[in-house]
N, C-alpha and C. Protein backbone atom coordinates (compact mmCIF):
# COMPACT_ATOMS: atom_id res chain seq x y z
N UNK A 1 5.73 1.88 -24.81
CA UNK A 1 6.29 1.61 -23.24
C UNK A 1 5.25 1.99 -22.06
N UNK A 2 5.39 0.40 -21.46
CA UNK A 2 4.57 1.54 -20.12
C UNK A 2 5.79 1.90 -19.13
N UNK A 3 4.46 1.88 -17.98
CA UNK A 3 4.64 3.23 -17.55
C UNK A 3 5.78 2.35 -15.95
N UNK A 4 5.98 3.93 -14.93
CA UNK A 4 7.13 3.41 -14.15
C UNK A 4 5.94 3.44 -12.52
N UNK A 5 6.26 2.69 -11.74
CA UNK A 5 5.16 3.16 -10.33
C UNK A 5 6.30 2.05 -9.35
N UNK A 6 6.25 2.87 -8.20
CA UNK A 6 6.81 2.62 -6.49
C UNK A 6 5.30 2.98 -6.23
N UNK A 7 6.14 1.41 -4.89
CA UNK A 7 5.01 0.68 -4.06
C UNK A 7 5.71 1.38 -2.84
N UNK A 8 5.11 1.78 -1.02
CA UNK A 8 6.67 1.61 -0.49
C UNK A 8 6.19 2.66 0.20
N UNK A 9 7.20 2.57 2.02
CA UNK A 9 7.06 3.68 2.39
C UNK A 9 7.73 5.31 1.70
N UNK A 10 7.05 5.86 2.32
CA UNK A 10 7.55 7.23 2.17
C UNK A 10 9.18 8.03 1.77
N UNK A 11 9.85 7.00 3.03
CA UNK A 11 11.30 7.86 2.45
C UNK A 11 11.70 6.75 2.00
N UNK A 12 11.22 5.56 1.42
CA UNK A 12 11.80 5.02 0.12
C UNK A 12 11.48 4.80 -1.03
N UNK A 13 10.07 5.71 -0.98
CA UNK A 13 9.98 5.92 -2.61
C UNK A 13 9.69 7.39 -3.72
N UNK A 14 9.21 8.24 -1.89
CA UNK A 14 9.14 9.96 -2.47
C UNK A 14 9.74 10.23 -3.97
N UNK A 15 11.34 10.14 -3.40
CA UNK A 15 12.43 10.42 -4.46
C UNK A 15 12.86 10.55 -5.87
N UNK A 16 11.35 8.86 -5.91
CA UNK A 16 11.49 7.87 -7.57
C UNK A 16 10.43 8.94 -8.39
N UNK A 17 9.76 10.10 -7.79
CA UNK A 17 9.27 11.17 -8.39
C UNK A 17 9.45 11.54 -9.05
N UNK A 18 10.41 12.46 -8.71
CA UNK A 18 11.45 13.56 -9.35
C UNK A 18 12.32 12.66 -10.68
N UNK A 19 12.14 11.18 -11.11
CA UNK A 19 12.74 10.60 -12.80
C UNK A 19 11.54 10.61 -12.42
N UNK A 20 10.42 10.90 -13.21
CA UNK A 20 9.66 10.64 -13.19
C UNK A 20 8.54 9.34 -13.26
N UNK A 21 8.88 8.69 -12.05
CA UNK A 21 8.42 7.34 -11.60
C UNK A 21 7.11 7.70 -10.91
N UNK A 22 5.49 7.25 -11.02
CA UNK A 22 4.62 7.14 -10.33
C UNK A 22 4.41 6.93 -8.53
N UNK A 23 4.74 7.48 -8.04
CA UNK A 23 4.63 6.84 -6.42
C UNK A 23 3.26 6.84 -5.91
N UNK A 24 3.04 5.64 -5.38
CA UNK A 24 1.97 5.26 -4.58
C UNK A 24 2.49 4.61 -3.52
N UNK A 25 2.28 5.90 -2.56
CA UNK A 25 2.91 5.75 -0.65
C UNK A 25 2.29 4.59 -0.37
N UNK A 26 2.91 3.30 0.40
CA UNK A 26 1.67 2.63 1.16
C UNK A 26 2.77 2.15 2.71
N UNK A 27 1.89 3.08 3.82
CA UNK A 27 3.33 3.14 5.29
C UNK A 27 2.77 1.75 5.59
N UNK A 28 1.01 1.00 5.27
CA UNK A 28 1.10 -0.15 6.00
C UNK A 28 0.84 -0.99 4.68
N UNK A 29 0.66 -2.74 5.44
CA UNK A 29 0.56 -3.55 4.53
C UNK A 29 -0.63 -3.38 3.52
N UNK A 30 -2.38 -3.27 4.02
CA UNK A 30 -3.12 -2.56 3.50
C UNK A 30 -2.47 -1.94 2.23
N UNK A 31 -2.25 -0.76 2.71
CA UNK A 31 -1.81 0.14 1.92
C UNK A 31 -1.10 -0.20 0.24
N UNK A 32 0.03 -1.14 0.48
CA UNK A 32 0.47 -2.27 -0.18
C UNK A 32 0.05 -2.33 -1.34
N UNK A 33 -1.25 -3.26 -0.77
CA UNK A 33 -1.96 -4.91 -1.83
C UNK A 33 -2.93 -3.87 -2.46
N UNK A 34 -3.35 -2.61 -1.56
CA UNK A 34 -4.67 -1.59 -2.45
C UNK A 34 -3.94 -0.90 -3.09
N UNK A 35 -2.86 -0.55 -3.45
CA UNK A 35 -1.97 0.39 -4.39
C UNK A 35 -1.14 -1.05 -5.64
N UNK A 36 -1.51 -1.75 -5.20
CA UNK A 36 -1.12 -2.91 -5.93
C UNK A 36 -1.87 -3.02 -6.85
N UNK A 37 -3.63 -2.89 -6.04
CA UNK A 37 -4.81 -3.29 -7.06
C UNK A 37 -5.10 -2.18 -7.98
N UNK A 38 -4.67 -0.55 -7.10
CA UNK A 38 -5.02 0.35 -8.49
C UNK A 38 -3.88 0.32 -9.24
N UNK A 39 -3.09 -0.56 -9.43
CA UNK A 39 -1.72 -0.06 -10.94
C UNK A 39 -2.76 0.50 -11.42
N UNK A 40 -1.94 1.35 -12.80
CA UNK A 40 -2.87 2.39 -13.30
C UNK A 40 -2.15 1.01 -14.65
N UNK A 41 -3.32 1.25 -15.47
CA UNK A 41 -3.42 0.35 -16.84
C UNK A 41 -2.16 0.21 -17.88
N UNK A 42 -1.31 -0.29 -18.00
CA UNK A 42 -0.26 -0.23 -19.24
C UNK A 42 1.42 0.02 -17.99
N UNK A 43 1.27 -0.23 -16.79
CA UNK A 43 2.52 -0.36 -15.73
C UNK A 43 3.29 -1.66 -16.48
N UNK A 44 4.18 -0.76 -16.82
CA UNK A 44 5.58 -1.96 -17.25
C UNK A 44 6.01 -2.74 -16.30
N UNK A 45 6.54 -1.11 -15.76
CA UNK A 45 7.87 -2.13 -14.29
C UNK A 45 7.50 -1.34 -12.73
N UNK A 46 7.29 -2.34 -12.07
CA UNK A 46 6.95 -2.20 -10.49
C UNK A 46 8.43 -1.84 -9.08
N UNK A 47 8.35 -0.73 -9.00
CA UNK A 47 9.76 -0.67 -7.84
C UNK A 47 9.05 -0.55 -6.70
N UNK A 48 9.35 -1.27 -5.66
CA UNK A 48 8.38 -2.52 -4.26
C UNK A 48 10.00 -2.20 -3.11
N UNK A 49 9.21 -1.17 -2.08
CA UNK A 49 9.84 -1.38 -1.26
C UNK A 49 10.07 -2.65 -0.37
N UNK A 50 10.50 -2.87 0.90
CA UNK A 50 10.67 -3.53 1.35
C UNK A 50 9.78 -4.61 2.17
N UNK A 51 8.88 -3.80 3.39
CA UNK A 51 7.91 -3.78 3.75
C UNK A 51 6.60 -4.36 2.72
N UNK A 52 6.91 -3.25 2.16
CA UNK A 52 5.42 -3.44 1.00
C UNK A 52 5.88 -4.55 0.17
N UNK A 53 6.84 -5.16 -0.29
CA UNK A 53 6.67 -6.45 -0.20
C UNK A 53 6.37 -7.49 0.13
N UNK A 54 7.08 -7.68 1.45
CA UNK A 54 6.05 -8.76 2.81
C UNK A 54 4.75 -9.27 3.03
N UNK A 55 3.89 -7.48 2.14
CA UNK A 55 2.74 -7.17 2.53
C UNK A 55 2.47 -8.08 1.25
N UNK A 56 2.82 -7.65 0.13
CA UNK A 56 2.04 -8.20 -1.59
C UNK A 56 2.40 -10.04 -1.48
N UNK A 57 3.09 -10.19 -0.43
CA UNK A 57 3.60 -11.83 -0.78
C UNK A 57 4.61 -12.25 -2.74
N UNK A 58 5.08 -12.91 -2.68
CA UNK A 58 5.66 -14.00 -3.85
C UNK A 58 4.65 -14.35 -4.73
N UNK A 59 3.51 -14.49 -4.59
CA UNK A 59 1.86 -14.28 -6.18
C UNK A 59 2.61 -13.30 -7.23
N UNK A 60 2.48 -12.28 -6.30
CA UNK A 60 2.42 -10.76 -7.43
C UNK A 60 3.63 -10.82 -7.38
N UNK A 61 4.71 -10.93 -6.53
CA UNK A 61 5.89 -10.70 -6.80
C UNK A 61 6.03 -10.86 -7.81
N UNK A 62 6.05 -12.45 -7.85
CA UNK A 62 6.65 -13.27 -9.30
C UNK A 62 5.93 -13.70 -10.21
N UNK A 63 4.57 -12.54 -10.62
CA UNK A 63 3.92 -12.67 -11.21
C UNK A 63 5.06 -12.12 -12.90
N UNK A 64 4.73 -12.85 -13.99
CA UNK A 64 5.61 -12.57 -15.34
C UNK A 64 5.68 -10.85 -16.16
N UNK A 65 4.33 -10.53 -15.55
CA UNK A 65 3.80 -8.82 -15.36
C UNK A 65 2.80 -8.13 -14.54
N UNK A 66 2.78 -7.22 -13.91
CA UNK A 66 4.39 -6.35 -14.46
C UNK A 66 5.35 -6.69 -13.79
N UNK A 67 7.18 -6.59 -15.10
CA UNK A 67 7.88 -6.99 -14.78
C UNK A 67 8.22 -6.24 -12.48
N UNK A 68 8.93 -6.88 -11.91
CA UNK A 68 8.49 -6.28 -10.23
C UNK A 68 10.16 -6.26 -9.91
N UNK A 69 10.10 -5.37 -8.94
CA UNK A 69 11.72 -5.30 -8.41
C UNK A 69 11.22 -5.31 -7.03
N UNK A 70 12.32 -5.26 -6.29
CA UNK A 70 12.08 -4.99 -4.49
C UNK A 70 13.35 -4.40 -4.24
N UNK A 71 12.66 -3.70 -3.69
CA UNK A 71 14.20 -2.23 -3.62
C UNK A 71 15.48 -2.47 -2.56
N UNK A 72 16.81 -2.38 -2.71
CA UNK A 72 17.10 -3.19 -1.64
C UNK A 72 17.45 -2.09 -0.33
């Protein structure tokens, strides 16, 4: 089974580290894109904050892998 990664603003994703999620803080749009490009090999699920989702765009979010979910 692959890993779980969260990309987003610190206030959105920091607490997920307590559940073992790899947290990549992205306070700016460029940070979100850089975090996506640096996803660890074997990442199976990416949880994305709303601002990061806007920065990443639909092409990345709708790709078949890794499974990507935008946080409410």
